[in-house]
C-alpha atoms as a PDB file:
ATOM      1  CA  UNK A   1     107.917  86.160 114.707  1.00  0.00           C
ATOM      2  CA  UNK A   2     105.598  88.964 113.844  1.00  0.00           C
ATOM      3  CA  UNK A   3     102.090  89.050 112.451  1.00  0.00           C
ATOM      4  CA  UNK A   4     100.663  90.973 109.533  1.00  0.00           C
ATOM      5  CA  UNK A   5      96.911  91.491 109.435  1.00  0.00           C
ATOM      6  CA  UNK A   6      95.596  91.913 105.893  1.00  0.00           C
ATOM      7  CA  UNK A   7      91.930  92.980 105.758  1.00  0.00           C
ATOM      8  CA  UNK A   8      90.457  91.927 102.408  1.00  0.00           C
ATOM      9  CA  UNK A   9      87.333  93.187 100.684  1.00  0.00           C
ATOM     10  CA  UNK A  10      86.936  92.929  96.903  1.00  0.00           C
ATOM     11  CA  UNK A  11      90.615  93.457  96.075  1.00  0.00           C
ATOM     12  CA  UNK A  12      91.156  90.593  93.632  1.00  0.00           C
ATOM     13  CA  UNK A  13      92.945  92.976  91.277  1.00  0.00           C
ATOM     14  CA  UNK A  14      95.686  93.754  93.832  1.00  0.00           C
ATOM     15  CA  UNK A  15      95.749  90.821  96.241  1.00  0.00           C
ATOM     16  CA  UNK A  16      98.244  88.561  94.449  1.00  0.00           C
ATOM     17  CA  UNK A  17     100.744  91.415  94.184  1.00  0.00           C
ATOM     18  CA  UNK A  18     100.343  92.125  97.903  1.00  0.00           C
ATOM     19  CA  UNK A  19     100.796  88.497  98.943  1.00  0.00           C
ATOM     20  CA  UNK A  20     103.658  87.897  96.498  1.00  0.00           C
ATOM     21  CA  UNK A  21     105.383  90.912  98.037  1.00  0.00           C
ATOM     22  CA  UNK A  22     105.222  89.233 101.435  1.00  0.00           C
ATOM     23  CA  UNK A  23     106.628  86.017  99.993  1.00  0.00           C
ATOM     24  CA  UNK A  24     109.574  87.853  98.438  1.00  0.00           C
ATOM     25  CA  UNK A  25     110.851  89.290 101.723  1.00  0.00           C
ATOM     26  CA  UNK A  26     114.225  88.133 103.022  1.00  0.00           C
ATOM     27  CA  UNK A  27     112.883  87.971 106.585  1.00  0.00           C
ATOM     28  CA  UNK A  28     110.741  84.846 106.817  1.00  0.00           C
ATOM     29  CA  UNK A  29     109.599  84.753 110.444  1.00  0.00           C
ATOM     30  CA  UNK A  30     106.138  86.192 109.863  1.00  0.00           C
ATOM     31  CA  UNK A  31     102.573  85.031 109.641  1.00  0.00           C
ATOM     32  CA  UNK A  32      99.949  86.847 107.569  1.00  0.00           C
ATOM     33  CA  UNK A  33      96.380  86.786 108.824  1.00  0.00           C
ATOM     34  CA  UNK A  34      94.179  87.264 105.747  1.00  0.00           C
ATOM     35  CA  UNK A  35      90.741  88.428 106.873  1.00  0.00           C
ATOM     36  CA  UNK A  36      88.199  88.101 104.068  1.00  0.00           C
ATOM     37  CA  UNK A  37      85.482  90.581 105.002  1.00  0.00           C
ATOM     38  CA  UNK A  38      82.689  89.140 102.884  1.00  0.00           C
ATOM     39  CA  UNK A  39      84.232  89.756  99.459  1.00  0.00           C
ATOM     40  CA  UNK A  40      81.935  89.158  96.501  1.00  0.00           C
ATOM     41  CA  UNK A  41      84.780  88.818  93.986  1.00  0.00           C
ATOM     42  CA  UNK A  42      87.474  86.112  93.967  1.00  0.00           C
ATOM     43  CA  UNK A  43      89.520  87.673  96.795  1.00  0.00           C
ATOM     44  CA  UNK A  44      88.545  84.939  99.257  1.00  0.00           C
ATOM     45  CA  UNK A  45      89.565  82.194  96.852  1.00  0.00           C
ATOM     46  CA  UNK A  46      92.899  83.890  96.149  1.00  0.00           C
ATOM     47  CA  UNK A  47      93.593  84.208  99.883  1.00  0.00           C
ATOM     48  CA  UNK A  48      92.767  80.537 100.422  1.00  0.00           C
ATOM     49  CA  UNK A  49      95.010  79.549  97.508  1.00  0.00           C
ATOM     50  CA  UNK A  50      97.990  81.232  99.211  1.00  0.00           C
ATOM     51  CA  UNK A  51      97.083  79.682 102.580  1.00  0.00           C
ATOM     52  CA  UNK A  52      97.017  76.234 100.958  1.00  0.00           C
ATOM     53  CA  UNK A  53     100.488  76.763  99.463  1.00  0.00           C
ATOM     54  CA  UNK A  54     102.269  78.367 102.430  1.00  0.00           C
ATOM     55  CA  UNK A  55     101.542  77.836 106.125  1.00  0.00           C
ATOM     56  CA  UNK A  56     102.524  81.402 106.951  1.00  0.00           C
ATOM     57  CA  UNK A  57      99.192  82.538 105.491  1.00  0.00           C
ATOM     58  CA  UNK A  58      96.072  82.011 107.582  1.00  0.00           C
ATOM     59  CA  UNK A  59      92.641  82.812 106.138  1.00  0.00           C
ATOM     60  CA  UNK A  60      89.716  84.002 108.232  1.00  0.00           C
ATOM     61  CA  UNK A  61      86.299  84.543 106.641  1.00  0.00           C
ATOM     62  CA  UNK A  62      83.495  86.704 107.962  1.00  0.00           C
ATOM     63  CA  UNK A  63      80.419  88.500 106.696  1.00  0.00           C
ATOM     64  CA  UNK A  64      81.076  92.063 105.598  1.00  0.00           C
ATOM     65  CA  UNK A  65      81.436  94.160 108.732  1.00  0.00           C
ATOM     66  CA  UNK A  66      83.878  96.827 107.600  1.00  0.00           C
ATOM     67  CA  UNK A  67      87.582  97.480 107.871  1.00  0.00           C
ATOM     68  CA  UNK A  68      87.737  97.966 111.646  1.00  0.00           C
ATOM     69  CA  UNK A  69      85.941  94.714 112.382  1.00  0.00           C
ATOM     70  CA  UNK A  70      88.164  92.852 109.920  1.00  0.00           C
ATOM     71  CA  UNK A  71      91.248  94.202 111.698  1.00  0.00           C
ATOM     72  CA  UNK A  72      89.755  93.271 115.056  1.00  0.00           C
ATOM     73  CA  UNK A  73      89.100  89.728 113.833  1.00  0.00           C
ATOM     74  CA  UNK A  74      92.767  89.479 112.878  1.00  0.00           C
ATOM     75  CA  UNK A  75      93.830  90.809 116.272  1.00  0.00           C
ATOM     76  CA  UNK A  76      91.592  88.285 118.018  1.00  0.00           C
ATOM     77  CA  UNK A  77      93.313  85.490 116.131  1.00  0.00           C
ATOM     78  CA  UNK A  78      96.834  86.627 116.941  1.00  0.00           C
ATOM     79  CA  UNK A  79      98.194  85.413 120.255  1.00  0.00           C
ATOM     80  CA  UNK A  80     101.395  87.484 120.459  1.00  0.00           C
ATOM     81  CA  UNK A  81     101.761  90.923 118.964  1.00  0.00           C
ATOM     82  CA  UNK A  82     104.715  93.179 118.471  1.00  0.00           C
ATOM     83  CA  UNK A  83     103.423  96.674 119.143  1.00  0.00           C
ATOM     84  CA  UNK A  84     105.486  99.846 119.170  1.00  0.00           C
ATOM     85  CA  UNK A  85     104.229 103.220 120.338  1.00  0.00           C
ATOM     86  CA  UNK A  86     107.020 105.028 118.525  1.00  0.00           C
ATOM     87  CA  UNK A  87     106.275 104.794 114.769  1.00  0.00           C
ATOM     88  CA  UNK A  88     109.584 106.006 113.218  1.00  0.00           C
ATOM     89  CA  UNK A  89     111.751 103.368 114.962  1.00  0.00           C
ATOM     90  CA  UNK A  90     109.068 100.750 114.322  1.00  0.00           C
ATOM     91  CA  UNK A  91     109.186 101.495 110.615  1.00  0.00           C
ATOM     92  CA  UNK A  92     112.992 101.266 110.657  1.00  0.00           C
ATOM     93  CA  UNK A  93     112.825  97.945 112.526  1.00  0.00           C
ATOM     94  CA  UNK A  94     110.326  96.549 110.032  1.00  0.00           C
ATOM     95  CA  UNK A  95     112.520  97.687 107.150  1.00  0.00           C
ATOM     96  CA  UNK A  96     115.536  96.058 108.793  1.00  0.00           C
ATOM     97  CA  UNK A  97     113.632  92.782 109.103  1.00  0.00           C
ATOM     98  CA  UNK A  98     112.288  92.760 105.569  1.00  0.00           C
ATOM     99  CA  UNK A  99     115.008  94.351 103.431  1.00  0.00           C
ATOM    100  CA  UNK A 100     113.109  94.785 100.218  1.00  0.00           C
END
């Protein structure tokens, strides 16, 4: 299982495509933490819609605090992280898991 933190702020135009991309992956052992950082468009509602349909999506809502704080909120939520300090192999491993 690995976790994907998706900071969200006023991205209604792109959010469905992003979340549908996650759903289309062949590797299914993931959980997406959708952190709505005080969006004023329908991004929060879209995120909640996906969370209601699929338990792999979790929605967190907070007042707008910026990208770093949204990421930190996602990290706080996650209990176990897979972290690699060597980016090229990590990217290869992620690609191997997902196989677009």
